[in-house]
Amino acid sequence: MHYQVTTIWGKSMRLAEQVCIVSTQLPAMERYGIRLQLTRSAVSVPSNIAEGWTRESKKEKAQFLAIAHGSLSELHTQLLICERVGWLFPADLVEIKRLIDETSRMLTVLRRASRSLEPP
């Protein structure tokens, strides 16, 4: 199956799109600070899912899924910081937080499944 038809890749792409859009609300002084970090971590999630999906080795695939999961946690933390300092509003982050939660759950399931396939 091609990664572009997977639910997890589609959700992570939607997440990246939404983060890119909401990041334009950040103060201009943050264009090369938190805004750049937000967009990089958001883009990293679907990118690493796609790269891992195309790897033949289960170990490599698992590694890229772990990187995607790490980027997702990084993104979530950065968004919470922006919310706490008042740069982004909770109402603007509802869909993004939902997508983060759903993507995280899916990554957890995929990573657990890949671990159960590993030889002891």
C-alpha atoms as a PDB file:
ATOM      1  CA  MET A   1       0.000   0.000   0.000  1.00  0.00           C
ATOM      2  CA  HIS A   2       1.280   3.468  -0.873  1.00  0.00           C
ATOM      3  CA  TYR A   3       1.705   5.850   2.072  1.00  0.00           C
ATOM      4  CA  GLN A   4      -0.430   8.512   0.354  1.00  0.00           C
ATOM      5  CA  VAL A   5      -3.550   6.394   0.769  1.00  0.00           C
ATOM      6  CA  THR A   6      -3.019   5.763   4.491  1.00  0.00           C
ATOM      7  CA  THR A   7      -5.172   7.502   7.074  1.00  0.00           C
ATOM      8  CA  ILE A   8      -2.184   8.370   9.246  1.00  0.00           C
ATOM      9  CA  TRP A   9      -0.334  10.134   6.445  1.00  0.00           C
ATOM     10  CA  GLY A  10      -3.500  12.018   5.444  1.00  0.00           C
ATOM     11  CA  LYS A  11      -4.118  13.182   9.015  1.00  0.00           C
ATOM     12  CA  SER A  12      -0.506  14.242   9.456  1.00  0.00           C
ATOM     13  CA  MET A  13      -0.633  16.190   6.187  1.00  0.00           C
ATOM     14  CA  ARG A  14      -3.813  17.945   7.358  1.00  0.00           C
ATOM     15  CA  LEU A  15      -2.034  18.704  10.626  1.00  0.00           C
ATOM     16  CA  ALA A  16       0.970  20.208   8.829  1.00  0.00           C
ATOM     17  CA  GLU A  17      -1.322  22.338   6.667  1.00  0.00           C
ATOM     18  CA  GLN A  18      -3.229  23.639   9.695  1.00  0.00           C
ATOM     19  CA  VAL A  19      -0.018  24.445  11.582  1.00  0.00           C
ATOM     20  CA  CYS A  20       1.366  26.354   8.595  1.00  0.00           C
ATOM     21  CA  ILE A  21      -1.858  28.375   8.447  1.00  0.00           C
ATOM     22  CA  VAL A  22      -2.136  29.102  12.190  1.00  0.00           C
ATOM     23  CA  SER A  23       1.565  29.981  12.449  1.00  0.00           C
ATOM     24  CA  THR A  24       0.915  33.070  10.313  1.00  0.00           C
ATOM     25  CA  GLN A  25      -0.901  34.507  13.374  1.00  0.00           C
ATOM     26  CA  LEU A  26       2.343  34.595  15.358  1.00  0.00           C
ATOM     27  CA  PRO A  27       4.054  37.933  15.923  1.00  0.00           C
ATOM     28  CA  ALA A  28       6.292  39.058  13.047  1.00  0.00           C
ATOM     29  CA  MET A  29       9.295  38.978  15.375  1.00  0.00           C
ATOM     30  CA  GLU A  30       8.791  35.198  15.646  1.00  0.00           C
ATOM     31  CA  ARG A  31       8.981  34.559  11.894  1.00  0.00           C
ATOM     32  CA  TYR A  32      12.416  32.951  12.268  1.00  0.00           C
ATOM     33  CA  GLY A  33      11.936  31.736  15.831  1.00  0.00           C
ATOM     34  CA  ILE A  34       9.030  29.658  17.028  1.00  0.00           C
ATOM     35  CA  ARG A  35       7.179  29.902  13.708  1.00  0.00           C
ATOM     36  CA  LEU A  36      10.057  28.214  11.908  1.00  0.00           C
ATOM     37  CA  GLN A  37      10.280  25.550  14.626  1.00  0.00           C
ATOM     38  CA  LEU A  38       6.531  24.919  14.454  1.00  0.00           C
ATOM     39  CA  THR A  39       6.470  24.465  10.709  1.00  0.00           C
ATOM     40  CA  ARG A  40       9.599  22.285  10.699  1.00  0.00           C
ATOM     41  CA  SER A  41       8.276  19.918  13.344  1.00  0.00           C
ATOM     42  CA  ALA A  42       4.827  19.812  11.694  1.00  0.00           C
ATOM     43  CA  VAL A  43       6.294  19.020   8.266  1.00  0.00           C
ATOM     44  CA  SER A  44       8.575  16.415   9.835  1.00  0.00           C
ATOM     45  CA  VAL A  45       5.642  14.236  10.908  1.00  0.00           C
ATOM     46  CA  PRO A  46       4.210  13.278   7.475  1.00  0.00           C
ATOM     47  CA  SER A  47       7.696  13.371   5.947  1.00  0.00           C
ATOM     48  CA  ASN A  48       9.013  10.732   8.339  1.00  0.00           C
ATOM     49  CA  ILE A  49       5.865   8.629   8.038  1.00  0.00           C
ATOM     50  CA  ALA A  50       6.326   8.653   4.258  1.00  0.00           C
ATOM     51  CA  GLU A  51      10.035   7.876   4.446  1.00  0.00           C
ATOM     52  CA  GLY A  52       9.511   5.056   6.928  1.00  0.00           C
ATOM     53  CA  TRP A  53       6.672   3.610   4.869  1.00  0.00           C
ATOM     54  CA  THR A  54       8.954   3.163   1.881  1.00  0.00           C
ATOM     55  CA  ARG A  55      11.731   1.418   3.824  1.00  0.00           C
ATOM     56  CA  GLU A  56      12.003  -2.328   3.402  1.00  0.00           C
ATOM     57  CA  SER A  57      13.563  -3.024   6.778  1.00  0.00           C
ATOM     58  CA  LYS A  58      11.115  -3.230   9.698  1.00  0.00           C
ATOM     59  CA  LYS A  59      13.787  -1.736  11.950  1.00  0.00           C
ATOM     60  CA  GLU A  60      14.236   1.296   9.663  1.00  0.00           C
ATOM     61  CA  LYS A  61      10.475   1.710   9.327  1.00  0.00           C
ATOM     62  CA  ALA A  62      10.112   1.667  13.115  1.00  0.00           C
ATOM     63  CA  GLN A  63      12.908   4.225  13.470  1.00  0.00           C
ATOM     64  CA  PHE A  64      11.185   6.702  11.127  1.00  0.00           C
ATOM     65  CA  LEU A  65       7.856   6.213  12.900  1.00  0.00           C
ATOM     66  CA  ALA A  66       9.645   6.973  16.193  1.00  0.00           C
ATOM     67  CA  ILE A  67      11.107  10.153  14.683  1.00  0.00           C
ATOM     68  CA  ALA A  68       7.642  11.177  13.459  1.00  0.00           C
ATOM     69  CA  HIS A  69       6.261  10.581  16.957  1.00  0.00           C
ATOM     70  CA  GLY A  70       9.047  12.669  18.482  1.00  0.00           C
ATOM     71  CA  SER A  71       8.355  15.511  16.050  1.00  0.00           C
ATOM     72  CA  LEU A  72       4.682  15.321  16.968  1.00  0.00           C
ATOM     73  CA  SER A  73       5.503  15.697  20.677  1.00  0.00           C
ATOM     74  CA  GLU A  74       7.840  18.571  19.877  1.00  0.00           C
ATOM     75  CA  LEU A  75       5.092  20.276  17.860  1.00  0.00           C
ATOM     76  CA  HIS A  76       2.549  19.818  20.643  1.00  0.00           C
ATOM     77  CA  THR A  77       4.923  21.345  23.192  1.00  0.00           C
ATOM     78  CA  GLN A  78       5.676  24.327  20.964  1.00  0.00           C
ATOM     79  CA  LEU A  79       1.962  24.958  20.417  1.00  0.00           C
ATOM     80  CA  LEU A  80       1.318  24.812  24.162  1.00  0.00           C
ATOM     81  CA  ILE A  81       4.057  27.392  24.719  1.00  0.00           C
ATOM     82  CA  CYS A  82       2.518  29.679  22.080  1.00  0.00           C
ATOM     83  CA  GLU A  83      -0.860  29.274  23.756  1.00  0.00           C
ATOM     84  CA  ARG A  84       0.526  29.974  27.246  1.00  0.00           C
ATOM     85  CA  VAL A  85       2.259  33.199  26.200  1.00  0.00           C
ATOM     86  CA  GLY A  86      -0.837  34.373  24.324  1.00  0.00           C
ATOM     87  CA  TRP A  87       0.504  34.154  20.771  1.00  0.00           C
ATOM     88  CA  LEU A  88      -2.108  31.586  19.747  1.00  0.00           C
ATOM     89  CA  PHE A  89      -5.613  31.173  21.107  1.00  0.00           C
ATOM     90  CA  PRO A  90      -7.145  27.887  22.303  1.00  0.00           C
ATOM     91  CA  ALA A  91     -10.044  28.219  19.865  1.00  0.00           C
ATOM     92  CA  ASP A  92      -7.585  28.336  16.950  1.00  0.00           C
ATOM     93  CA  LEU A  93      -5.928  25.107  18.095  1.00  0.00           C
ATOM     94  CA  VAL A  94      -8.951  22.811  18.563  1.00  0.00           C
ATOM     95  CA  GLU A  95      -8.600  20.943  15.250  1.00  0.00           C
ATOM     96  CA  ILE A  96      -4.803  20.911  15.494  1.00  0.00           C
ATOM     97  CA  LYS A  97      -4.904  19.369  18.974  1.00  0.00           C
ATOM     98  CA  ARG A  98      -7.436  16.793  17.788  1.00  0.00           C
ATOM     99  CA  LEU A  99      -5.196  15.870  14.853  1.00  0.00           C
ATOM    100  CA  ILE A 100      -2.162  15.649  17.146  1.00  0.00           C
ATOM    101  CA  ASP A 101      -4.060  13.297  19.463  1.00  0.00           C
ATOM    102  CA  GLU A 102      -5.349  11.092  16.633  1.00  0.00           C
ATOM    103  CA  THR A 103      -1.982  10.948  14.880  1.00  0.00           C
ATOM    104  CA  SER A 104      -0.211  10.145  18.145  1.00  0.00           C
ATOM    105  CA  ARG A 105      -2.595   7.278  18.870  1.00  0.00           C
ATOM    106  CA  MET A 106      -2.120   5.883  15.373  1.00  0.00           C
ATOM    107  CA  LEU A 107       1.660   6.123  15.632  1.00  0.00           C
ATOM    108  CA  THR A 108       1.547   4.341  18.985  1.00  0.00           C
ATOM    109  CA  VAL A 109      -0.445   1.470  17.471  1.00  0.00           C
ATOM    110  CA  LEU A 110       1.869   1.205  14.453  1.00  0.00           C
ATOM    111  CA  ARG A 111       4.990   1.306  16.608  1.00  0.00           C
ATOM    112  CA  ARG A 112       3.633  -1.355  18.982  1.00  0.00           C
ATOM    113  CA  ALA A 113       2.689  -3.551  16.044  1.00  0.00           C
ATOM    114  CA  SER A 114       6.158  -3.238  14.547  1.00  0.00           C
ATOM    115  CA  ARG A 115       7.747  -4.170  17.907  1.00  0.00           C
ATOM    116  CA  SER A 116       5.584  -7.264  18.182  1.00  0.00           C
ATOM    117  CA  LEU A 117       6.890  -8.433  14.799  1.00  0.00           C
ATOM    118  CA  GLU A 118      10.525  -8.194  15.915  1.00  0.00           C
ATOM    119  CA  PRO A 119      12.277 -11.447  16.761  1.00  0.00           C
ATOM    120  CA  PRO A 120      13.133 -11.874  20.464  1.00  0.00           C
END
